[in-house]
Amino acid sequence: MSHPDESATMARLRQFLDTDPRDVACERAMELLHVYVELKVAGQDPEEHYPGIAVHLRACGPCSDEYKGLLAAVTERWP
């Protein structure tokens, strides 16, 4: 009999191991993250211009957190 969490664990492992060939990896994503954010703030679709970064942000938690933080810093109003 399998452990109840086995299927969820296997799904996470499979997601981790299955890399999308369009994924640009952390270094390239970080190099262009400010441009990606600027496009988003300007009302454009950054995923259209940089699909490899979009793929990477969906797959990489730390880079996604950086994106969200930078986007929040740029869009929040300061007193």
PDB file of N, CA and C in Angstrom:
ATOM      1  N   MET A   1       0.843  -1.178   0.000  1.00  0.00           N
ATOM      2  CA  MET A   1       0.000   0.000   0.000  1.00  0.00           C
ATOM      3  C   MET A   1       0.893   1.247   0.000  1.00  0.00           C
ATOM      4  N   SER A   2       0.508   2.237  -0.772  1.00  0.00           N
ATOM      5  CA  SER A   2       1.319   3.451  -0.864  1.00  0.00           C
ATOM      6  C   SER A   2       0.928   4.448   0.214  1.00  0.00           C
ATOM      7  N   HIS A   3       1.858   5.297   0.525  1.00  0.00           N
ATOM      8  CA  HIS A   3       1.654   6.361   1.508  1.00  0.00           C
ATOM      9  C   HIS A   3       0.722   7.411   0.894  1.00  0.00           C
ATOM     10  N   PRO A   4      -0.204   8.009   1.678  1.00  0.00           N
ATOM     11  CA  PRO A   4      -1.165   8.975   1.125  1.00  0.00           C
ATOM     12  C   PRO A   4      -0.518  10.184   0.444  1.00  0.00           C
ATOM     13  N   ASP A   5       0.647  10.600   0.906  1.00  0.00           N
ATOM     14  CA  ASP A   5       1.300  11.774   0.324  1.00  0.00           C
ATOM     15  C   ASP A   5       2.190  11.424  -0.868  1.00  0.00           C
ATOM     16  N   GLU A   6       2.267  10.137  -1.200  1.00  0.00           N
ATOM     17  CA  GLU A   6       3.182   9.708  -2.248  1.00  0.00           C
ATOM     18  C   GLU A   6       2.854  10.334  -3.598  1.00  0.00           C
ATOM     19  N   SER A   7       1.585  10.402  -3.967  1.00  0.00           N
ATOM     20  CA  SER A   7       1.245  10.949  -5.278  1.00  0.00           C
ATOM     21  C   SER A   7       1.573  12.438  -5.356  1.00  0.00           C
ATOM     22  N   ALA A   8       1.333  13.185  -4.301  1.00  0.00           N
ATOM     23  CA  ALA A   8       1.667  14.612  -4.285  1.00  0.00           C
ATOM     24  C   ALA A   8       3.176  14.799  -4.339  1.00  0.00           C
ATOM     25  N   THR A   9       3.891  13.975  -3.607  1.00  0.00           N
ATOM     26  CA  THR A   9       5.350  14.053  -3.611  1.00  0.00           C
ATOM     27  C   THR A   9       5.896  13.720  -4.993  1.00  0.00           C
ATOM     28  N   MET A  10       5.371  12.692  -5.600  1.00  0.00           N
ATOM     29  CA  MET A  10       5.820  12.306  -6.938  1.00  0.00           C
ATOM     30  C   MET A  10       5.493  13.396  -7.956  1.00  0.00           C
ATOM     31  N   ALA A  11       4.348  14.025  -7.817  1.00  0.00           N
ATOM     32  CA  ALA A  11       3.977  15.106  -8.735  1.00  0.00           C
ATOM     33  C   ALA A  11       4.943  16.276  -8.606  1.00  0.00           C
ATOM     34  N   ARG A  12       5.305  16.629  -7.370  1.00  0.00           N
ATOM     35  CA  ARG A  12       6.268  17.719  -7.160  1.00  0.00           C
ATOM     36  C   ARG A  12       7.636  17.347  -7.718  1.00  0.00           C
ATOM     37  N   LEU A  13       8.037  16.106  -7.505  1.00  0.00           N
ATOM     38  CA  LEU A  13       9.319  15.643  -8.023  1.00  0.00           C
ATOM     39  C   LEU A  13       9.313  15.666  -9.548  1.00  0.00           C
ATOM     40  N   ARG A  14       8.239  15.205 -10.153  1.00  0.00           N
ATOM     41  CA  ARG A  14       8.130  15.203 -11.607  1.00  0.00           C
ATOM     42  C   ARG A  14       8.191  16.631 -12.154  1.00  0.00           C
ATOM     43  N   GLN A  15       7.494  17.558 -11.487  1.00  0.00           N
ATOM     44  CA  GLN A  15       7.508  18.954 -11.912  1.00  0.00           C
ATOM     45  C   GLN A  15       8.920  19.528 -11.815  1.00  0.00           C
ATOM     46  N   PHE A  16       9.624  19.176 -10.751  1.00  0.00           N
ATOM     47  CA  PHE A  16      10.991  19.653 -10.561  1.00  0.00           C
ATOM     48  C   PHE A  16      11.924  19.118 -11.644  1.00  0.00           C
ATOM     49  N   LEU A  17      11.761  17.861 -11.993  1.00  0.00           N
ATOM     50  CA  LEU A  17      12.655  17.219 -12.949  1.00  0.00           C
ATOM     51  C   LEU A  17      12.323  17.533 -14.404  1.00  0.00           C
ATOM     52  N   ASP A  18      11.062  17.820 -14.684  1.00  0.00           N
ATOM     53  CA  ASP A  18      10.649  18.141 -16.050  1.00  0.00           C
ATOM     54  C   ASP A  18      10.951  19.607 -16.339  1.00  0.00           C
ATOM     55  N   THR A  19      12.001  19.838 -17.073  1.00  0.00           N
ATOM     56  CA  THR A  19      12.349  21.216 -17.400  1.00  0.00           C
ATOM     57  C   THR A  19      11.820  21.568 -18.782  1.00  0.00           C
ATOM     58  N   ASP A  20      11.324  22.765 -18.889  1.00  0.00           N
ATOM     59  CA  ASP A  20      10.825  23.278 -20.156  1.00  0.00           C
ATOM     60  C   ASP A  20      12.028  23.812 -20.936  1.00  0.00           C
ATOM     61  N   PRO A  21      12.203  23.425 -22.168  1.00  0.00           N
ATOM     62  CA  PRO A  21      13.362  23.896 -22.928  1.00  0.00           C
ATOM     63  C   PRO A  21      13.389  25.415 -23.125  1.00  0.00           C
ATOM     64  N   ARG A  22      12.256  26.072 -22.927  1.00  0.00           N
ATOM     65  CA  ARG A  22      12.216  27.534 -23.057  1.00  0.00           C
ATOM     66  C   ARG A  22      12.715  28.237 -21.800  1.00  0.00           C
ATOM     67  N   ASP A  23      12.856  27.503 -20.699  1.00  0.00           N
ATOM     68  CA  ASP A  23      13.288  28.089 -19.421  1.00  0.00           C
ATOM     69  C   ASP A  23      14.689  28.676 -19.570  1.00  0.00           C
ATOM     70  N   VAL A  24      14.821  29.968 -19.225  1.00  0.00           N
ATOM     71  CA  VAL A  24      16.101  30.662 -19.414  1.00  0.00           C
ATOM     72  C   VAL A  24      17.053  30.502 -18.236  1.00  0.00           C
ATOM     73  N   ALA A  25      16.616  29.908 -17.153  1.00  0.00           N
ATOM     74  CA  ALA A  25      17.404  29.693 -15.932  1.00  0.00           C
ATOM     75  C   ALA A  25      17.529  30.983 -15.122  1.00  0.00           C
ATOM     76  N   CYS A  26      17.978  30.818 -13.902  1.00  0.00           N
ATOM     77  CA  CYS A  26      18.000  31.918 -12.930  1.00  0.00           C
ATOM     78  C   CYS A  26      18.852  33.106 -13.374  1.00  0.00           C
ATOM     79  N   GLU A  27      20.055  32.838 -13.828  1.00  0.00           N
ATOM     80  CA  GLU A  27      20.971  33.939 -14.150  1.00  0.00           C
ATOM     81  C   GLU A  27      20.390  34.872 -15.209  1.00  0.00           C
ATOM     82  N   ARG A  28      19.896  34.312 -16.279  1.00  0.00           N
ATOM     83  CA  ARG A  28      19.330  35.135 -17.366  1.00  0.00           C
ATOM     84  C   ARG A  28      18.048  35.820 -16.911  1.00  0.00           C
ATOM     85  N   ALA A  29      17.223  35.123 -16.144  1.00  0.00           N
ATOM     86  CA  ALA A  29      15.987  35.730 -15.643  1.00  0.00           C
ATOM     87  C   ALA A  29      16.301  36.944 -14.776  1.00  0.00           C
ATOM     88  N   MET A  30      17.299  36.826 -13.919  1.00  0.00           N
ATOM     89  CA  MET A  30      17.656  37.947 -13.043  1.00  0.00           C
ATOM     90  C   MET A  30      18.253  39.113 -13.832  1.00  0.00           C
ATOM     91  N   GLU A  31      18.977  38.807 -14.903  1.00  0.00           N
ATOM     92  CA  GLU A  31      19.550  39.869 -15.737  1.00  0.00           C
ATOM     93  C   GLU A  31      18.469  40.744 -16.365  1.00  0.00           C
ATOM     94  N   LEU A  32      17.342  40.137 -16.712  1.00  0.00           N
ATOM     95  CA  LEU A  32      16.290  40.856 -17.429  1.00  0.00           C
ATOM     96  C   LEU A  32      15.045  41.120 -16.595  1.00  0.00           C
ATOM     97  N   LEU A  33      15.090  40.791 -15.328  1.00  0.00           N
ATOM     98  CA  LEU A  33      13.895  40.921 -14.497  1.00  0.00           C
ATOM     99  C   LEU A  33      13.382  42.355 -14.451  1.00  0.00           C
ATOM    100  N   HIS A  34      14.273  43.332 -14.387  1.00  0.00           N
ATOM    101  CA  HIS A  34      13.827  44.726 -14.331  1.00  0.00           C
ATOM    102  C   HIS A  34      13.091  45.128 -15.614  1.00  0.00           C
ATOM    103  N   VAL A  35      13.524  44.615 -16.752  1.00  0.00           N
ATOM    104  CA  VAL A  35      12.853  44.901 -18.022  1.00  0.00           C
ATOM    105  C   VAL A  35      11.479  44.243 -18.031  1.00  0.00           C
ATOM    106  N   TYR A  36      11.408  43.020 -17.537  1.00  0.00           N
ATOM    107  CA  TYR A  36      10.153  42.277 -17.456  1.00  0.00           C
ATOM    108  C   TYR A  36       9.149  43.045 -16.598  1.00  0.00           C
ATOM    109  N   VAL A  37       9.607  43.555 -15.466  1.00  0.00           N
ATOM    110  CA  VAL A  37       8.746  44.325 -14.564  1.00  0.00           C
ATOM    111  C   VAL A  37       8.323  45.634 -15.227  1.00  0.00           C
ATOM    112  N   GLU A  38       9.240  46.313 -15.894  1.00  0.00           N
ATOM    113  CA  GLU A  38       8.904  47.572 -16.568  1.00  0.00           C
ATOM    114  C   GLU A  38       7.812  47.364 -17.611  1.00  0.00           C
ATOM    115  N   LEU A  39       7.877  46.281 -18.359  1.00  0.00           N
ATOM    116  CA  LEU A  39       6.834  45.977 -19.338  1.00  0.00           C
ATOM    117  C   LEU A  39       5.490  45.765 -18.651  1.00  0.00           C
ATOM    118  N   LYS A  40       5.505  45.017 -17.559  1.00  0.00           N
ATOM    119  CA  LYS A  40       4.272  44.748 -16.811  1.00  0.00           C
ATOM    120  C   LYS A  40       3.662  46.053 -16.304  1.00  0.00           C
ATOM    121  N   VAL A  41       4.476  46.915 -15.725  1.00  0.00           N
ATOM    122  CA  VAL A  41       4.008  48.192 -15.180  1.00  0.00           C
ATOM    123  C   VAL A  41       3.476  49.092 -16.298  1.00  0.00           C
ATOM    124  N   ALA A  42       4.060  48.992 -17.484  1.00  0.00           N
ATOM    125  CA  ALA A  42       3.630  49.803 -18.623  1.00  0.00           C
ATOM    126  C   ALA A  42       2.358  49.268 -19.277  1.00  0.00           C
ATOM    127  N   GLY A  43       1.819  48.178 -18.734  1.00  0.00           N
ATOM    128  CA  GLY A  43       0.582  47.618 -19.266  1.00  0.00           C
ATOM    129  C   GLY A  43       0.781  46.678 -20.439  1.00  0.00           C
ATOM    130  N   GLN A  44       2.012  46.330 -20.717  1.00  0.00           N
ATOM    131  CA  GLN A  44       2.293  45.385 -21.790  1.00  0.00           C
ATOM    132  C   GLN A  44       2.355  43.969 -21.225  1.00  0.00           C
ATOM    133  N   ASP A  45       2.390  43.001 -22.111  1.00  0.00           N
ATOM    134  CA  ASP A  45       2.473  41.602 -21.697  1.00  0.00           C
ATOM    135  C   ASP A  45       3.929  41.146 -21.764  1.00  0.00           C
ATOM    136  N   PRO A  46       4.613  41.110 -20.620  1.00  0.00           N
ATOM    137  CA  PRO A  46       6.027  40.722 -20.652  1.00  0.00           C
ATOM    138  C   PRO A  46       6.236  39.289 -21.124  1.00  0.00           C
ATOM    139  N   GLU A  47       5.242  38.441 -20.916  1.00  0.00           N
ATOM    140  CA  GLU A  47       5.362  37.046 -21.344  1.00  0.00           C
ATOM    141  C   GLU A  47       5.462  36.947 -22.867  1.00  0.00           C
ATOM    142  N   GLU A  48       4.809  37.865 -23.557  1.00  0.00           N
ATOM    143  CA  GLU A  48       4.871  37.888 -25.021  1.00  0.00           C
ATOM    144  C   GLU A  48       6.284  38.229 -25.498  1.00  0.00           C
ATOM    145  N   HIS A  49       6.933  39.142 -24.800  1.00  0.00           N
ATOM    146  CA  HIS A  49       8.277  39.570 -25.175  1.00  0.00           C
ATOM    147  C   HIS A  49       9.365  38.621 -24.663  1.00  0.00           C
ATOM    148  N   TYR A  50       9.137  38.042 -23.499  1.00  0.00           N
ATOM    149  CA  TYR A  50      10.135  37.179 -22.848  1.00  0.00           C
ATOM    150  C   TYR A  50       9.490  35.878 -22.352  1.00  0.00           C
ATOM    151  N   PRO A  51       9.081  35.007 -23.274  1.00  0.00           N
ATOM    152  CA  PRO A  51       8.416  33.772 -22.847  1.00  0.00           C
ATOM    153  C   PRO A  51       9.300  32.871 -21.989  1.00  0.00           C
ATOM    154  N   GLY A  52      10.597  32.897 -22.220  1.00  0.00           N
ATOM    155  CA  GLY A  52      11.509  32.071 -21.421  1.00  0.00           C
ATOM    156  C   GLY A  52      11.566  32.499 -19.971  1.00  0.00           C
ATOM    157  N   ILE A  53      11.441  33.799 -19.736  1.00  0.00           N
ATOM    158  CA  ILE A  53      11.417  34.289 -18.357  1.00  0.00           C
ATOM    159  C   ILE A  53      10.101  33.903 -17.702  1.00  0.00           C
ATOM    160  N   ALA A  54       9.005  34.015 -18.440  1.00  0.00           N
ATOM    161  CA  ALA A  54       7.703  33.628 -17.894  1.00  0.00           C
ATOM    162  C   ALA A  54       7.705  32.156 -17.480  1.00  0.00           C
ATOM    163  N   VAL A  55       8.254  31.314 -18.328  1.00  0.00           N
ATOM    164  CA  VAL A  55       8.356  29.882 -18.017  1.00  0.00           C
ATOM    165  C   VAL A  55       9.190  29.693 -16.757  1.00  0.00           C
ATOM    166  N   HIS A  56      10.301  30.399 -16.683  1.00  0.00           N
ATOM    167  CA  HIS A  56      11.180  30.256 -15.528  1.00  0.00           C
ATOM    168  C   HIS A  56      10.501  30.727 -14.244  1.00  0.00           C
ATOM    169  N   LEU A  57       9.797  31.837 -14.294  1.00  0.00           N
ATOM    170  CA  LEU A  57       9.144  32.354 -13.086  1.00  0.00           C
ATOM    171  C   LEU A  57       8.068  31.402 -12.575  1.00  0.00           C
ATOM    172  N   ARG A  58       7.430  30.672 -13.476  1.00  0.00           N
ATOM    173  CA  ARG A  58       6.431  29.683 -13.038  1.00  0.00           C
ATOM    174  C   ARG A  58       7.096  28.478 -12.373  1.00  0.00           C
ATOM    175  N   ALA A  59       8.332  28.193 -12.754  1.00  0.00           N
ATOM    176  CA  ALA A  59       9.016  26.994 -12.257  1.00  0.00           C
ATOM    177  C   ALA A  59       9.925  27.247 -11.064  1.00  0.00           C
ATOM    178  N   CYS A  60      10.375  28.482 -10.880  1.00  0.00           N
ATOM    179  CA  CYS A  60      11.392  28.771  -9.863  1.00  0.00           C
ATOM    180  C   CYS A  60      10.824  29.682  -8.780  1.00  0.00           C
ATOM    181  N   GLY A  61      10.612  29.129  -7.616  1.00  0.00           N
ATOM    182  CA  GLY A  61      10.062  29.892  -6.500  1.00  0.00           C
ATOM    183  C   GLY A  61      10.892  31.098  -6.106  1.00  0.00           C
ATOM    184  N   PRO A  62      12.205  30.958  -5.920  1.00  0.00           N
ATOM    185  CA  PRO A  62      13.014  32.114  -5.530  1.00  0.00           C
ATOM    186  C   PRO A  62      12.987  33.252  -6.562  1.00  0.00           C
ATOM    187  N   CYS A  63      13.059  32.924  -7.834  1.00  0.00           N
ATOM    188  CA  CYS A  63      13.008  33.973  -8.855  1.00  0.00           C
ATOM    189  C   CYS A  63      11.618  34.599  -8.923  1.00  0.00           C
ATOM    190  N   SER A  64      10.600  33.782  -8.747  1.00  0.00           N
ATOM    191  CA  SER A  64       9.235  34.304  -8.712  1.00  0.00           C
ATOM    192  C   SER A  64       9.053  35.271  -7.550  1.00  0.00           C
ATOM    193  N   ASP A  65       9.629  34.935  -6.408  1.00  0.00           N
ATOM    194  CA  ASP A  65       9.569  35.834  -5.248  1.00  0.00           C
ATOM    195  C   ASP A  65      10.278  37.151  -5.540  1.00  0.00           C
ATOM    196  N   GLU A  66      11.418  37.086  -6.216  1.00  0.00           N
ATOM    197  CA  GLU A  66      12.146  38.303  -6.599  1.00  0.00           C
ATOM    198  C   GLU A  66      11.289  39.167  -7.521  1.00  0.00           C
ATOM    199  N   TYR A  67      10.642  38.530  -8.479  1.00  0.00           N
ATOM    200  CA  TYR A  67       9.764  39.246  -9.409  1.00  0.00           C
ATOM    201  C   TYR A  67       8.628  39.935  -8.654  1.00  0.00           C
ATOM    202  N   LYS A  68       7.963  39.200  -7.795  1.00  0.00           N
ATOM    203  CA  LYS A  68       6.850  39.772  -7.026  1.00  0.00           C
ATOM    204  C   LYS A  68       7.321  40.924  -6.146  1.00  0.00           C
ATOM    205  N   GLY A  69       8.482  40.773  -5.541  1.00  0.00           N
ATOM    206  CA  GLY A  69       9.021  41.830  -4.690  1.00  0.00           C
ATOM    207  C   GLY A  69       9.371  43.078  -5.474  1.00  0.00           C
ATOM    208  N   LEU A  70      10.008  42.903  -6.622  1.00  0.00           N
ATOM    209  CA  LEU A  70      10.369  44.045  -7.456  1.00  0.00           C
ATOM    210  C   LEU A  70       9.118  44.727  -8.000  1.00  0.00           C
ATOM    211  N   LEU A  71       8.155  43.943  -8.423  1.00  0.00           N
ATOM    212  CA  LEU A  71       6.901  44.505  -8.923  1.00  0.00           C
ATOM    213  C   LEU A  71       6.190  45.296  -7.829  1.00  0.00           C
ATOM    214  N   ALA A  72       6.160  44.754  -6.627  1.00  0.00           N
ATOM    215  CA  ALA A  72       5.529  45.455  -5.502  1.00  0.00           C
ATOM    216  C   ALA A  72       6.275  46.748  -5.186  1.00  0.00           C
ATOM    217  N   ALA A  73       7.589  46.704  -5.210  1.00  0.00           N
ATOM    218  CA  ALA A  73       8.385  47.898  -4.906  1.00  0.00           C
ATOM    219  C   ALA A  73       8.146  49.000  -5.932  1.00  0.00           C
ATOM    220  N   VAL A  74       7.966  48.622  -7.171  1.00  0.00           N
ATOM    221  CA  VAL A  74       7.773  49.602  -8.235  1.00  0.00           C
ATOM    222  C   VAL A  74       6.348  50.158  -8.245  1.00  0.00           C
ATOM    223  N   THR A  75       5.379  49.340  -7.882  1.00  0.00           N
ATOM    224  CA  THR A  75       3.984  49.767  -8.010  1.00  0.00           C
ATOM    225  C   THR A  75       3.386  50.342  -6.735  1.00  0.00           C
ATOM    226  N   GLU A  76       4.013  50.119  -5.594  1.00  0.00           N
ATOM    227  CA  GLU A  76       3.458  50.667  -4.350  1.00  0.00           C
ATOM    228  C   GLU A  76       3.680  52.167  -4.299  1.00  0.00           C
ATOM    229  N   ARG A  77       2.712  52.846  -3.744  1.00  0.00           N
ATOM    230  CA  ARG A  77       2.826  54.299  -3.589  1.00  0.00           C
ATOM    231  C   ARG A  77       3.521  54.596  -2.271  1.00  0.00           C
ATOM    232  N   TRP A  78       4.462  55.501  -2.330  1.00  0.00           N
ATOM    233  CA  TRP A  78       5.217  55.883  -1.143  1.00  0.00           C
ATOM    234  C   TRP A  78       4.649  57.182  -0.589  1.00  0.00           C
ATOM    235  N   PRO A  79       4.646  57.321   0.734  1.00  0.00           N
ATOM    236  CA  PRO A  79       4.082  58.556   1.320  1.00  0.00           C
ATOM    237  C   PRO A  79       4.893  59.791   0.978  1.00  0.00           C
TER     238      PRO A  79
END
